Protein backbone atom coordinates (compact mmCIF):
# COMPACT_ATOMS: atom_id res chain seq x y z
CA MET A 1 0.01 0.02 0.01
CA ASP A 2 2.84 2.39 0.81
CA THR A 3 4.40 1.65 -2.58
CA ILE A 4 1.20 2.72 -4.31
CA LYS A 5 1.07 5.96 -2.26
CA GLN A 6 4.70 6.74 -3.11
CA PHE A 7 4.10 6.03 -6.77
CA ILE A 8 1.06 8.37 -6.81
CA ARG A 9 2.99 11.12 -5.04
CA ALA A 10 5.93 10.80 -7.41
CA TYR A 11 3.79 10.89 -10.56
CA LEU A 12 0.84 13.00 -9.38
CA SER A 13 1.49 15.83 -11.86
CA VAL A 14 1.83 13.37 -14.78
CA ILE A 15 -1.31 11.50 -13.78
CA THR A 16 -3.22 14.78 -13.44
CA VAL A 17 -2.11 16.01 -16.85
CA ALA A 18 -2.97 12.64 -18.44
CA LEU A 19 -6.42 12.64 -16.86
CA LEU A 20 -7.03 16.24 -18.00
CA MET A 21 -5.97 15.38 -21.53
CA LEU A 22 -8.24 12.36 -21.49
CA LEU A 23 -11.11 14.53 -20.26
CA VAL A 24 -10.52 17.07 -23.09
CA VAL A 25 -10.46 14.29 -25.71
CA VAL A 26 -13.67 12.72 -24.35
CA ALA A 27 -15.40 16.15 -24.24
CA GLY A 28 -14.27 16.89 -27.80
CA LEU A 29 -15.53 13.52 -29.10
CA PHE A 30 -18.83 14.05 -27.28
CA ALA A 31 -19.25 17.55 -28.79
CA TYR A 32 -18.39 16.21 -32.26
CA ASN A 33 -20.94 13.41 -31.87
CA VAL A 34 -23.64 15.84 -30.75
CA MET A 35 -22.97 18.23 -33.69
CA HIS A 36 -22.81 15.38 -36.23
CA THR A 37 -26.04 13.84 -34.93
CA LYS A 38 -27.76 17.25 -34.94
CA LYS A 39 -26.69 17.82 -38.57
CA LEU A 40 -28.02 14.38 -39.59
CA GLN A 41 -31.35 15.15 -37.94
CA GLU A 42 -31.95 18.35 -39.92
CA PRO A 43 -34.71 18.11 -42.55
CA VAL A 44 -33.60 17.27 -46.07
CA ILE A 45 -35.55 18.31 -49.21
CA ILE A 46 -35.88 15.44 -51.67
CA ASN A 47 -37.61 15.32 -55.04
CA GLN A 48 -39.98 12.48 -55.93
CA THR A 49 -37.46 10.70 -58.17
CA VAL A 50 -34.93 10.44 -55.32
CA ALA A 51 -37.70 9.30 -52.93
CA LYS A 52 -38.31 6.26 -55.19
CA ASN A 53 -34.63 5.24 -55.68
CA PRO A 54 -33.17 3.41 -52.68
CA VAL A 55 -29.55 4.21 -53.56
CA LYS A 56 -30.14 7.94 -54.03
CA LEU A 57 -32.48 8.13 -51.06
CA GLY A 58 -29.87 6.41 -48.89
CA GLU A 59 -27.25 8.95 -49.96
CA ALA A 60 -29.58 11.89 -49.37
CA LEU A 61 -30.59 10.73 -45.89
CA ASN A 62 -27.21 9.20 -44.97
CA VAL A 63 -28.68 5.76 -44.37
CA SER A 64 -27.95 2.34 -45.84
CA THR A 65 -29.60 1.12 -49.02
CA LYS A 66 -31.44 -1.52 -46.97
CA GLU A 67 -32.82 1.14 -44.65
CA ALA A 68 -33.78 3.30 -47.66
CA LYS A 69 -35.69 0.35 -49.15
CA GLU A 70 -37.62 -0.04 -45.86
CA VAL A 71 -38.43 3.69 -45.91
CA ILE A 72 -39.71 3.47 -49.50
CA SER A 73 -41.81 0.39 -48.68
CA TYR A 74 -43.26 2.10 -45.64
CA LYS A 75 -43.95 5.30 -47.56
CA GLU A 76 -45.81 3.44 -50.34
CA ASN A 77 -47.98 1.46 -47.92
CA THR A 78 -49.05 4.16 -45.41
CA GLN A 79 -51.01 7.38 -45.40
CA PRO A 80 -49.76 10.58 -43.68
CA VAL A 81 -50.72 11.04 -40.05
CA VAL A 82 -51.53 14.73 -40.53
CA THR A 83 -52.10 17.19 -43.38
CA TYR A 84 -50.68 20.74 -43.33
CA TYR A 85 -51.22 23.53 -45.85
CA THR A 86 -48.96 26.46 -46.71
CA GLN A 87 -48.99 28.99 -49.50
CA ALA A 88 -46.05 29.30 -51.83
CA PRO A 89 -45.48 30.23 -55.52
CA THR A 90 -43.86 26.88 -56.40
CA LEU A 91 -43.66 23.38 -54.98
CA HIS A 92 -39.97 23.80 -54.24
CA ASP A 93 -40.65 27.05 -52.33
CA ALA A 94 -43.29 25.21 -50.27
CA ALA A 95 -40.71 22.49 -49.51
CA VAL A 96 -38.23 25.12 -48.36
CA VAL A 97 -40.86 26.82 -46.17
CA THR A 98 -41.78 23.41 -44.67
CA LYS A 99 -38.13 22.47 -44.10
CA ASN A 100 -37.43 25.80 -42.37
CA SER A 101 -40.62 25.51 -40.27
CA ILE A 102 -39.57 22.07 -39.08
CA LYS A 103 -35.97 23.20 -38.39
CA ASP A 104 -37.19 26.25 -36.42
CA LYS A 105 -39.95 24.23 -34.67
CA SER A 106 -42.57 26.72 -35.84
CA PRO A 107 -45.89 26.62 -33.96
CA ASN A 108 -47.66 26.86 -37.31
CA ILE A 109 -46.65 23.35 -38.36
CA PRO A 110 -48.24 20.23 -36.87
CA LYS A 111 -46.47 18.81 -33.85
CA GLU A 112 -45.97 15.44 -35.64
CA ALA A 113 -43.70 17.17 -38.17
CA ILE A 114 -41.46 18.72 -35.53
CA GLU A 115 -41.12 15.65 -33.29
CA LYS A 116 -37.60 14.41 -32.80
CA SER A 117 -36.45 11.65 -35.20
CA ASP A 118 -33.20 10.28 -36.62
CA ARG A 119 -33.94 11.66 -40.10
CA THR A 120 -36.59 13.96 -41.61
CA ALA A 121 -37.37 13.91 -45.35
CA VAL A 122 -39.35 16.73 -46.99
CA VAL A 123 -40.49 15.22 -50.32
CA GLU A 124 -41.76 17.33 -53.23
CA ASN A 125 -44.68 15.26 -54.50
CA THR A 126 -45.08 16.55 -58.07
CA ASP A 127 -47.84 14.04 -58.97
CA GLU A 128 -50.24 15.43 -56.34
CA GLN A 129 -48.68 18.92 -56.04
CA LYS A 130 -48.03 18.58 -52.33
CA ILE A 131 -45.20 18.23 -49.82
CA ASP A 132 -44.83 15.00 -47.89
CA VAL A 133 -42.91 14.93 -44.59
CA TYR A 134 -41.46 11.65 -43.43
CA LYS A 135 -40.03 11.15 -39.95
CA ILE A 136 -37.56 8.27 -39.96
CA ASN A 137 -36.33 6.50 -36.84
CA LEU A 138 -33.49 4.08 -37.49
CA ASN A 139 -33.11 0.73 -35.78
CA LYS A 140 -30.04 1.01 -33.64
CA VAL A 141 -28.78 -2.57 -33.36
CA HIS A 142 -25.39 -2.07 -31.70
CA ARG A 143 -25.14 -0.93 -28.07
CA VAL A 144 -22.26 -0.76 -25.62
CA MET A 145 -23.22 -0.72 -21.94
CA GLY A 146 -21.54 -0.31 -18.60
CA GLY A 147 -22.72 -0.81 -15.04
CA VAL A 148 -22.30 -2.85 -11.93
CA THR A 149 -23.36 -6.30 -10.81
CA VAL A 150 -24.10 -6.97 -7.15
CA LEU A 151 -24.31 -10.54 -5.92
CA GLU A 152 -25.97 -11.78 -2.75
CA THR A 153 -22.55 -12.19 -1.13
CA GLY A 154 -22.19 -8.43 -1.21
CA LYS A 155 -19.53 -8.48 -3.91
CA ILE A 156 -19.73 -5.64 -6.45
CA TYR A 157 -18.39 -6.28 -9.96
CA GLU A 158 -17.90 -3.73 -12.72
CA THR A 159 -19.82 -4.89 -15.79
CA VAL A 160 -19.17 -4.07 -19.45
CA GLY A 161 -21.59 -5.27 -22.13
CA TYR A 162 -22.24 -5.33 -25.84
CA GLN A 163 -25.57 -5.85 -27.53
CA ALA A 164 -26.14 -6.65 -31.24
CA GLY A 165 -29.79 -7.18 -32.13
CA ASP A 166 -31.26 -9.69 -29.71
CA PHE A 167 -27.93 -11.00 -28.32
CA GLN A 168 -26.25 -9.38 -25.32
CA GLY A 169 -22.92 -10.32 -23.82
CA LEU A 170 -21.65 -9.09 -20.46
CA ALA A 171 -18.17 -9.32 -18.89
CA HIS A 172 -17.74 -8.95 -15.12
CA PHE A 173 -14.57 -7.59 -13.50
CA ASP A 174 -13.33 -7.24 -9.91
CA GLY A 175 -10.97 -4.33 -10.27
CA LYS A 176 -8.63 -5.42 -13.00
CA HIS A 177 -9.43 -9.15 -12.78
CA PHE A 178 -11.93 -10.89 -15.04
CA LYS A 179 -14.41 -12.76 -12.88
CA GLY A 180 -16.96 -14.12 -15.32
CA ALA A 181 -19.37 -13.49 -18.18
CA SER A 182 -23.04 -13.60 -19.00
CA ALA A 183 -24.77 -14.18 -22.30
CA LEU A 184 -28.40 -13.10 -22.83
CA TYR A 185 -30.84 -13.47 -25.70
CA THR A 186 -34.06 -11.49 -26.07
CA PHE A 187 -36.94 -13.91 -26.70
CA ALA A 188 -39.78 -11.41 -26.60
CA LYS A 189 -40.23 -7.67 -27.26
CA TRP A 190 -43.15 -5.31 -26.84
């Protein structure tokens, strides 16, 4: 124990600087992630041709082609939840007004259009001379978790986990020593 205290005293300034640098890096990565996510969540104006092509729709919304196909399938098989009217000289101008209203969270636009989502597509529907707004929430299949496990013996273990789809794996540590693992599978969801 005395050796550890001497080590900490000898290298306290180095440890402090290293921890501060780590804190700055983590804060910077967090800020970058927040700004990147916010940019992805801004409404995007899409014409009807792009809205029907999974590759182009995926590029416009920054999603995979598979997710874009799911969006197109959903769009073709459902009706809008709400209808909203605005006056504009052209269809594109109406799309810009709608995009800005969503971005600014205008009280004039229905609350369904300004609800938080992973992606928002403002589609110029030239066939029906209207603007369609689609709120897209992506399935987030990968998760990293952290926490603690407490057993009836009173032992506390740090727990790190990873989840992909329905599978979840957990690793349990006692300080630096690996003490065990758990594997879970989700059999039901609601």
